[in-house]
């Protein structure tokens, strides 16, 4: 990292900023209609008594310019925990300065330090700039897997007693 870039753990006081980053990411990914998280959700889930999701903020010359939001996973095949990167976002005006790479490196270092087995995330199939960036960092696309999701009414029906 350069002297201009600092990565720090998010605090409850960053909840509004995290929501701004989520909104900007959702807009970039053409998914604004799905972004429903509130500041209260962020405070509860990231900074409550038993957080299960975590966040780092990237600051360039003291100004927040990006974030990662992640959580631990578990691989039964490896018998080890891993990290799932839910969101990585860098302000478009700040791209090309190594901030995204530094955010990835920060989490990869955590994986190594904690003896974790995997570091994984999704990337939209149309997002060629991100795909190429992730490949340049050693990322391998896992095309043999198909994502499955159950939500909304289908989730309520599946989870009904």
Protein backbone atom coordinates (compact mmCIF):
# COMPACT_ATOMS: atom_id res chain seq x y z
CA UNK A 1 0.00 0.00 0.00
CA UNK A 2 1.07 3.53 -0.63
CA UNK A 3 1.18 6.21 2.02
CA UNK A 4 -1.96 7.60 0.37
CA UNK A 5 -4.00 4.41 0.89
CA UNK A 6 -5.21 3.03 4.20
CA UNK A 7 -7.53 0.07 4.76
CA UNK A 8 -9.31 0.00 8.09
CA UNK A 9 -12.06 -1.96 9.79
CA UNK A 10 -15.44 -0.31 9.44
CA UNK A 11 -17.20 1.03 12.53
CA UNK A 12 -20.88 1.55 13.33
CA UNK A 13 -20.35 5.21 12.42
CA UNK A 14 -19.67 4.06 8.83
CA UNK A 15 -23.16 2.61 8.32
CA UNK A 16 -24.36 5.48 6.10
CA UNK A 17 -21.13 5.32 4.07
CA UNK A 18 -21.50 1.55 3.63
CA UNK A 19 -25.06 2.05 2.36
CA UNK A 20 -23.75 4.67 -0.10
CA UNK A 21 -21.15 2.22 -1.39
CA UNK A 22 -23.76 -0.55 -1.67
CA UNK A 23 -26.05 1.79 -3.64
CA UNK A 24 -23.20 2.79 -5.97
CA UNK A 25 -22.25 -0.86 -6.50
CA UNK A 26 -25.88 -1.80 -7.17
CA UNK A 27 -26.13 1.00 -9.73
CA UNK A 28 -22.92 -0.13 -11.46
CA UNK A 29 -24.20 -3.73 -11.54
CA UNK A 30 -27.62 -2.58 -12.82
CA UNK A 31 -29.23 -4.03 -9.68
CA UNK A 32 -30.43 -0.92 -7.85
CA UNK A 33 -33.92 -2.42 -7.67
CA UNK A 34 -32.50 -5.18 -5.42
CA UNK A 35 -30.62 -2.92 -2.98
CA UNK A 36 -32.91 -2.71 0.04
CA UNK A 37 -30.46 -2.74 2.97
CA UNK A 38 -30.79 0.12 5.46
CA UNK A 39 -28.36 1.75 7.87
CA UNK A 40 -30.17 -0.07 10.68
CA UNK A 41 -29.56 -3.41 8.92
CA UNK A 42 -25.86 -2.63 8.60
CA UNK A 43 -25.52 -1.55 12.24
CA UNK A 44 -27.38 -4.66 13.45
CA UNK A 45 -25.54 -7.18 11.29
CA UNK A 46 -22.00 -5.77 11.21
CA UNK A 47 -21.74 -4.15 14.62
CA UNK A 48 -24.24 -5.96 16.85
CA UNK A 49 -23.45 -8.37 19.67
CA UNK A 50 -22.62 -11.33 17.41
CA UNK A 51 -21.62 -10.08 13.93
CA UNK A 52 -21.49 -12.62 11.14
CA UNK A 53 -20.44 -10.22 8.39
CA UNK A 54 -17.50 -7.82 8.29
CA UNK A 55 -16.36 -4.76 6.39
CA UNK A 56 -13.23 -2.81 5.60
CA UNK A 57 -13.08 0.73 4.27
CA UNK A 58 -10.39 1.92 1.85
CA UNK A 59 -9.34 5.53 2.34
CA UNK A 60 -7.26 7.52 -0.14
CA UNK A 61 -5.61 10.54 1.43
CA UNK A 62 -8.03 10.21 4.34
CA UNK A 63 -11.19 10.09 2.19
CA UNK A 64 -13.29 6.90 1.89
CA UNK A 65 -13.11 5.55 -1.67
CA UNK A 66 -14.09 1.89 -1.46
CA UNK A 67 -15.03 -1.08 0.67
CA UNK A 68 -15.19 -4.83 1.03
CA UNK A 69 -17.98 -6.67 2.81
CA UNK A 70 -17.33 -10.34 3.62
CA UNK A 71 -18.09 -13.32 5.83
CA UNK A 72 -16.65 -16.72 6.74
CA UNK A 73 -17.70 -19.86 4.89
CA UNK A 74 -16.86 -23.51 5.43
CA UNK A 75 -15.74 -26.19 2.98
CA UNK A 76 -16.58 -29.73 4.04
CA UNK A 77 -14.24 -31.00 1.31
CA UNK A 78 -11.29 -29.04 2.68
CA UNK A 79 -12.35 -29.22 6.32
CA UNK A 80 -11.51 -25.51 6.59
CA UNK A 81 -13.17 -22.15 6.77
CA UNK A 82 -12.82 -19.64 3.95
CA UNK A 83 -13.87 -16.10 3.16
CA UNK A 84 -16.74 -15.15 0.89
CA UNK A 85 -16.34 -11.65 -0.55
CA UNK A 86 -19.90 -10.37 -0.87
CA UNK A 87 -19.02 -6.89 -2.15
CA UNK A 88 -15.96 -5.07 -3.38
CA UNK A 89 -16.39 -1.53 -4.66
CA UNK A 90 -14.01 1.29 -5.52
CA UNK A 91 -15.30 4.70 -6.56
CA UNK A 92 -14.99 4.84 -10.37
CA UNK A 93 -12.97 8.07 -10.20
CA UNK A 94 -10.37 6.27 -8.04
CA UNK A 95 -9.94 3.10 -10.09
CA UNK A 96 -6.51 2.33 -11.50
CA UNK A 97 -4.66 3.33 -8.31
CA UNK A 98 -4.35 -0.18 -6.88
CA UNK A 99 -7.17 0.23 -4.36
CA UNK A 100 -9.17 -2.79 -5.53
CA UNK A 101 -6.05 -4.94 -5.52
CA UNK A 102 -5.14 -3.71 -2.03
CA UNK A 103 -8.61 -4.64 -0.77
CA UNK A 104 -8.26 -8.14 -2.26
CA UNK A 105 -4.73 -8.52 -0.86
CA UNK A 106 -5.98 -7.45 2.58
CA UNK A 107 -8.51 -10.29 2.64
CA UNK A 108 -6.09 -12.79 1.08
CA UNK A 109 -3.61 -11.96 3.85
CA UNK A 110 -6.35 -12.63 6.41
CA UNK A 111 -6.98 -16.02 4.76
CA UNK A 112 -3.29 -16.92 4.91
CA UNK A 113 -2.83 -15.65 8.48
CA UNK A 114 -5.88 -17.60 9.71
CA UNK A 115 -5.06 -20.78 7.75
CA UNK A 116 -8.25 -20.54 5.69
CA UNK A 117 -8.68 -22.72 2.63
CA UNK A 118 -10.57 -20.54 0.15
CA UNK A 119 -11.27 -16.97 -0.89
CA UNK A 120 -14.30 -16.78 -3.18
CA UNK A 121 -16.80 -14.37 -4.71
CA UNK A 122 -19.20 -13.90 -7.61
CA UNK A 123 -18.63 -11.68 -10.62
CA UNK A 124 -21.35 -10.88 -13.13
CA UNK A 125 -20.71 -12.61 -16.46
CA UNK A 126 -21.01 -9.34 -18.43
CA UNK A 127 -18.53 -7.47 -16.23
CA UNK A 128 -15.43 -8.01 -18.40
CA UNK A 129 -13.26 -5.36 -16.69
CA UNK A 130 -13.77 -7.05 -13.31
CA UNK A 131 -13.35 -10.55 -14.76
CA UNK A 132 -10.03 -9.58 -16.31
CA UNK A 133 -8.92 -7.85 -13.10
CA UNK A 134 -9.76 -10.91 -10.99
CA UNK A 135 -7.98 -13.21 -13.45
CA UNK A 136 -4.90 -10.97 -13.25
CA UNK A 137 -4.94 -11.50 -9.47
CA UNK A 138 -5.00 -15.29 -9.81
CA UNK A 139 -8.77 -15.72 -9.78
CA UNK A 140 -10.13 -18.77 -11.58
CA UNK A 141 -13.65 -18.66 -12.98
CA UNK A 142 -15.75 -21.57 -11.70
CA UNK A 143 -17.99 -22.08 -14.74
CA UNK A 144 -18.90 -25.65 -13.82
CA UNK A 145 -21.13 -24.51 -10.94
CA UNK A 146 -24.61 -23.03 -11.26
CA UNK A 147 -25.81 -20.64 -8.60
CA UNK A 148 -29.10 -21.55 -6.92
CA UNK A 149 -31.28 -19.05 -5.08
CA UNK A 150 -34.57 -19.32 -3.25
CA UNK A 151 -36.08 -16.05 -2.03
CA UNK A 152 -39.32 -14.14 -1.65
CA UNK A 153 -42.51 -16.18 -1.82
CA UNK A 154 -40.63 -19.34 -2.84
CA UNK A 155 -38.50 -19.07 0.33
CA UNK A 156 -41.58 -18.55 2.50
CA UNK A 157 -43.23 -21.58 0.92
CA UNK A 158 -40.12 -23.76 1.31
CA UNK A 159 -39.69 -22.68 4.91
CA UNK A 160 -43.32 -23.03 5.91
CA UNK A 161 -43.99 -25.49 8.76
